[in-house]
């Protein structure tokens, strides 16, 4: 695949937009969103959207954070995998619902499950992380960003 506008070019062509999107991640870290949970939901959204750039970027980030390899391996099958906590399952279900908009079903049950595990501040941060990765996915796929090098 050839990039139409590669990531470094996007940063150069739209520095304010790039910095605004990047600053959301910084704000979420400052708000106390668990970094491993943030990586899992961002990876899952990127899998659903098929964004190779974001997948590789967040796999690299997850490995740096020490996310268990078993979770990374089983993320596409998280519903059946026993390595995910109930809180992670609630967050992943929410990530899938927000990524696959519009849907006919109501998010009320999913949101209720989130409330069992997270406070409103964390739910807001988690939802913001999901919305932001979906924006990055659309840029990465649309422009054909070349994935970064894999880091083990």
C-alpha atoms as a PDB file:
ATOM      1  CA  UNK A   1       0.000   0.000   0.000  1.00  0.00           C
ATOM      2  CA  UNK A   2       1.235   3.471  -0.825  1.00  0.00           C
ATOM      3  CA  UNK A   3       0.417   6.334   1.479  1.00  0.00           C
ATOM      4  CA  UNK A   4      -1.627   9.117  -0.035  1.00  0.00           C
ATOM      5  CA  UNK A   5      -0.530  11.407   2.783  1.00  0.00           C
ATOM      6  CA  UNK A   6       1.771   9.677   5.269  1.00  0.00           C
ATOM      7  CA  UNK A   7       1.678  10.410   8.998  1.00  0.00           C
ATOM      8  CA  UNK A   8       4.723  12.739   9.045  1.00  0.00           C
ATOM      9  CA  UNK A   9       3.227  14.641   6.105  1.00  0.00           C
ATOM     10  CA  UNK A  10      -0.109  14.956   7.921  1.00  0.00           C
ATOM     11  CA  UNK A  11       1.718  16.351  10.958  1.00  0.00           C
ATOM     12  CA  UNK A  12       3.393  18.899   8.680  1.00  0.00           C
ATOM     13  CA  UNK A  13       0.276  19.784   6.655  1.00  0.00           C
ATOM     14  CA  UNK A  14      -2.097  20.049   9.632  1.00  0.00           C
ATOM     15  CA  UNK A  15       0.016  20.661  12.747  1.00  0.00           C
ATOM     16  CA  UNK A  16      -2.800  22.229  14.778  1.00  0.00           C
ATOM     17  CA  UNK A  17      -5.217  19.387  14.002  1.00  0.00           C
ATOM     18  CA  UNK A  18      -2.530  16.794  14.752  1.00  0.00           C
ATOM     19  CA  UNK A  19      -1.610  18.472  18.025  1.00  0.00           C
ATOM     20  CA  UNK A  20      -5.274  18.790  19.035  1.00  0.00           C
ATOM     21  CA  UNK A  21      -5.864  15.067  18.541  1.00  0.00           C
ATOM     22  CA  UNK A  22      -2.604  14.172  20.275  1.00  0.00           C
ATOM     23  CA  UNK A  23      -3.442  16.450  23.211  1.00  0.00           C
ATOM     24  CA  UNK A  24      -6.567  14.403  23.930  1.00  0.00           C
ATOM     25  CA  UNK A  25      -4.355  11.436  24.770  1.00  0.00           C
ATOM     26  CA  UNK A  26      -2.292  13.586  27.115  1.00  0.00           C
ATOM     27  CA  UNK A  27      -5.460  14.886  28.801  1.00  0.00           C
ATOM     28  CA  UNK A  28      -6.760  11.353  29.313  1.00  0.00           C
ATOM     29  CA  UNK A  29      -3.507  10.288  30.963  1.00  0.00           C
ATOM     30  CA  UNK A  30      -3.713  13.325  33.238  1.00  0.00           C
ATOM     31  CA  UNK A  31      -7.330  12.446  34.053  1.00  0.00           C
ATOM     32  CA  UNK A  32      -6.154   9.080  35.358  1.00  0.00           C
ATOM     33  CA  UNK A  33      -7.512   6.736  32.685  1.00  0.00           C
ATOM     34  CA  UNK A  34      -5.757   3.402  33.149  1.00  0.00           C
ATOM     35  CA  UNK A  35      -3.208   3.318  30.309  1.00  0.00           C
ATOM     36  CA  UNK A  36      -3.507  -0.449  29.760  1.00  0.00           C
ATOM     37  CA  UNK A  37      -7.299  -0.219  29.510  1.00  0.00           C
ATOM     38  CA  UNK A  38      -6.975   2.727  27.127  1.00  0.00           C
ATOM     39  CA  UNK A  39      -4.657   0.693  24.906  1.00  0.00           C
ATOM     40  CA  UNK A  40      -7.022  -2.290  24.861  1.00  0.00           C
ATOM     41  CA  UNK A  41     -10.036  -0.238  23.753  1.00  0.00           C
ATOM     42  CA  UNK A  42      -7.982   1.670  21.192  1.00  0.00           C
ATOM     43  CA  UNK A  43      -6.614  -1.580  19.786  1.00  0.00           C
ATOM     44  CA  UNK A  44     -10.082  -3.119  19.597  1.00  0.00           C
ATOM     45  CA  UNK A  45     -11.539  -0.115  17.764  1.00  0.00           C
ATOM     46  CA  UNK A  46      -8.576  -0.155  15.382  1.00  0.00           C
ATOM     47  CA  UNK A  47      -9.121  -3.870  14.723  1.00  0.00           C
ATOM     48  CA  UNK A  48     -12.770  -3.250  13.901  1.00  0.00           C
ATOM     49  CA  UNK A  49     -11.882  -0.345  11.627  1.00  0.00           C
ATOM     50  CA  UNK A  50      -8.932  -2.146  10.014  1.00  0.00           C
ATOM     51  CA  UNK A  51      -6.379   0.617  10.611  1.00  0.00           C
ATOM     52  CA  UNK A  52      -2.948  -0.994  10.305  1.00  0.00           C
ATOM     53  CA  UNK A  53      -1.124   2.182  11.365  1.00  0.00           C
ATOM     54  CA  UNK A  54      -3.085   2.523  14.615  1.00  0.00           C
ATOM     55  CA  UNK A  55      -2.944  -1.215  15.280  1.00  0.00           C
ATOM     56  CA  UNK A  56       0.840  -1.278  15.085  1.00  0.00           C
ATOM     57  CA  UNK A  57       1.178   1.985  17.015  1.00  0.00           C
ATOM     58  CA  UNK A  58      -1.002   0.752  19.891  1.00  0.00           C
ATOM     59  CA  UNK A  59       0.512  -2.734  19.908  1.00  0.00           C
ATOM     60  CA  UNK A  60       3.884  -1.041  20.372  1.00  0.00           C
ATOM     61  CA  UNK A  61       2.437   1.146  23.139  1.00  0.00           C
ATOM     62  CA  UNK A  62       0.797  -1.847  24.826  1.00  0.00           C
ATOM     63  CA  UNK A  63       4.038  -3.792  24.852  1.00  0.00           C
ATOM     64  CA  UNK A  64       5.894  -0.804  26.337  1.00  0.00           C
ATOM     65  CA  UNK A  65       3.288  -0.663  29.101  1.00  0.00           C
ATOM     66  CA  UNK A  66       3.607  -4.377  29.788  1.00  0.00           C
ATOM     67  CA  UNK A  67       0.129  -5.443  28.656  1.00  0.00           C
ATOM     68  CA  UNK A  68       0.116  -9.240  28.817  1.00  0.00           C
ATOM     69  CA  UNK A  69       0.797 -10.874  25.454  1.00  0.00           C
ATOM     70  CA  UNK A  70      -2.164 -13.187  26.059  1.00  0.00           C
ATOM     71  CA  UNK A  71      -4.495 -10.192  26.082  1.00  0.00           C
ATOM     72  CA  UNK A  72      -3.002  -8.837  22.882  1.00  0.00           C
ATOM     73  CA  UNK A  73      -3.286 -12.248  21.222  1.00  0.00           C
ATOM     74  CA  UNK A  74      -6.881 -12.837  22.305  1.00  0.00           C
ATOM     75  CA  UNK A  75      -8.285  -9.333  21.913  1.00  0.00           C
ATOM     76  CA  UNK A  76     -10.283 -10.185  18.754  1.00  0.00           C
ATOM     77  CA  UNK A  77     -12.004 -12.968  20.758  1.00  0.00           C
ATOM     78  CA  UNK A  78     -12.298 -11.094  24.068  1.00  0.00           C
ATOM     79  CA  UNK A  79     -15.828 -12.359  24.755  1.00  0.00           C
ATOM     80  CA  UNK A  80     -14.606 -15.954  24.990  1.00  0.00           C
ATOM     81  CA  UNK A  81     -11.156 -15.346  26.464  1.00  0.00           C
ATOM     82  CA  UNK A  82     -10.733 -15.714  30.220  1.00  0.00           C
ATOM     83  CA  UNK A  83      -7.770 -13.312  30.426  1.00  0.00           C
ATOM     84  CA  UNK A  84     -10.010 -10.212  30.528  1.00  0.00           C
ATOM     85  CA  UNK A  85     -11.555  -8.856  33.713  1.00  0.00           C
ATOM     86  CA  UNK A  86     -15.241  -7.952  33.930  1.00  0.00           C
ATOM     87  CA  UNK A  87     -14.263  -4.269  33.837  1.00  0.00           C
ATOM     88  CA  UNK A  88     -12.199  -4.801  30.686  1.00  0.00           C
ATOM     89  CA  UNK A  89     -15.089  -6.695  29.106  1.00  0.00           C
ATOM     90  CA  UNK A  90     -17.460  -3.825  29.853  1.00  0.00           C
ATOM     91  CA  UNK A  91     -15.009  -1.336  28.361  1.00  0.00           C
ATOM     92  CA  UNK A  92     -14.442  -3.472  25.251  1.00  0.00           C
ATOM     93  CA  UNK A  93     -18.187  -3.888  24.700  1.00  0.00           C
ATOM     94  CA  UNK A  94     -18.575  -0.107  24.961  1.00  0.00           C
ATOM     95  CA  UNK A  95     -15.677   0.423  22.538  1.00  0.00           C
ATOM     96  CA  UNK A  96     -17.308  -1.873  20.003  1.00  0.00           C
ATOM     97  CA  UNK A  97     -20.680  -0.173  20.340  1.00  0.00           C
ATOM     98  CA  UNK A  98     -19.250   3.338  19.933  1.00  0.00           C
ATOM     99  CA  UNK A  99     -17.087   2.232  17.003  1.00  0.00           C
ATOM    100  CA  UNK A 100     -19.927   0.573  15.109  1.00  0.00           C
ATOM    101  CA  UNK A 101     -22.395   3.475  15.190  1.00  0.00           C
ATOM    102  CA  UNK A 102     -25.171   3.581  14.149  1.00  0.00           C
ATOM    103  CA  UNK A 103     -26.773   0.493  15.568  1.00  0.00           C
ATOM    104  CA  UNK A 104     -30.363  -0.373  16.231  1.00  0.00           C
ATOM    105  CA  UNK A 105     -29.885  -1.474  19.824  1.00  0.00           C
ATOM    106  CA  UNK A 106     -29.758   0.834  22.812  1.00  0.00           C
ATOM    107  CA  UNK A 107     -26.532   1.397  24.704  1.00  0.00           C
ATOM    108  CA  UNK A 108     -28.388   1.454  28.041  1.00  0.00           C
ATOM    109  CA  UNK A 109     -27.421  -2.091  29.086  1.00  0.00           C
ATOM    110  CA  UNK A 110     -23.808  -1.577  28.049  1.00  0.00           C
ATOM    111  CA  UNK A 111     -23.672   1.731  29.874  1.00  0.00           C
ATOM    112  CA  UNK A 112     -25.186   0.122  32.959  1.00  0.00           C
ATOM    113  CA  UNK A 113     -22.437  -2.490  32.917  1.00  0.00           C
ATOM    114  CA  UNK A 114     -19.825   0.270  32.666  1.00  0.00           C
ATOM    115  CA  UNK A 115     -21.335   1.921  35.751  1.00  0.00           C
ATOM    116  CA  UNK A 116     -20.709  -1.288  37.732  1.00  0.00           C
ATOM    117  CA  UNK A 117     -16.979  -0.934  37.138  1.00  0.00           C
ATOM    118  CA  UNK A 118     -16.219   2.747  36.527  1.00  0.00           C
ATOM    119  CA  UNK A 119     -17.233   6.148  37.847  1.00  0.00           C
ATOM    120  CA  UNK A 120     -18.668   8.843  35.550  1.00  0.00           C
ATOM    121  CA  UNK A 121     -15.290  10.553  35.156  1.00  0.00           C
ATOM    122  CA  UNK A 122     -13.668   7.324  33.961  1.00  0.00           C
ATOM    123  CA  UNK A 123     -16.576   6.538  31.630  1.00  0.00           C
ATOM    124  CA  UNK A 124     -16.238   9.997  30.096  1.00  0.00           C
ATOM    125  CA  UNK A 125     -12.476   9.508  29.659  1.00  0.00           C
ATOM    126  CA  UNK A 126     -12.915   6.019  28.232  1.00  0.00           C
ATOM    127  CA  UNK A 127     -15.547   7.254  25.765  1.00  0.00           C
ATOM    128  CA  UNK A 128     -13.277  10.117  24.724  1.00  0.00           C
ATOM    129  CA  UNK A 129     -10.408   7.678  24.100  1.00  0.00           C
ATOM    130  CA  UNK A 130     -12.696   5.560  21.907  1.00  0.00           C
ATOM    131  CA  UNK A 131     -13.963   8.573  19.955  1.00  0.00           C
ATOM    132  CA  UNK A 132     -10.414   9.842  19.439  1.00  0.00           C
ATOM    133  CA  UNK A 133      -9.045   6.535  18.165  1.00  0.00           C
ATOM    134  CA  UNK A 134     -11.932   6.371  15.721  1.00  0.00           C
ATOM    135  CA  UNK A 135     -10.882   9.797  14.394  1.00  0.00           C
ATOM    136  CA  UNK A 136      -7.259   8.631  14.093  1.00  0.00           C
ATOM    137  CA  UNK A 137      -8.426   5.429  12.351  1.00  0.00           C
ATOM    138  CA  UNK A 138     -10.309   7.412   9.752  1.00  0.00           C
ATOM    139  CA  UNK A 139      -7.253   9.562   9.058  1.00  0.00           C
ATOM    140  CA  UNK A 140      -4.901   6.583   8.994  1.00  0.00           C
ATOM    141  CA  UNK A 141      -7.103   4.553   6.667  1.00  0.00           C
ATOM    142  CA  UNK A 142      -8.136   7.478   4.494  1.00  0.00           C
ATOM    143  CA  UNK A 143      -4.614   8.725   3.966  1.00  0.00           C
ATOM    144  CA  UNK A 144      -2.978   5.278   3.986  1.00  0.00           C
ATOM    145  CA  UNK A 145      -0.555   5.997   6.841  1.00  0.00           C
ATOM    146  CA  UNK A 146       2.316   3.497   6.707  1.00  0.00           C
ATOM    147  CA  UNK A 147       2.430   1.495   9.981  1.00  0.00           C
ATOM    148  CA  UNK A 148       5.369   2.197  12.288  1.00  0.00           C
ATOM    149  CA  UNK A 149       7.971  -0.480  12.821  1.00  0.00           C
ATOM    150  CA  UNK A 150       6.983  -3.310  15.141  1.00  0.00           C
ATOM    151  CA  UNK A 151       8.658  -3.161  18.524  1.00  0.00           C
ATOM    152  CA  UNK A 152       8.911  -6.214  20.663  1.00  0.00           C
END
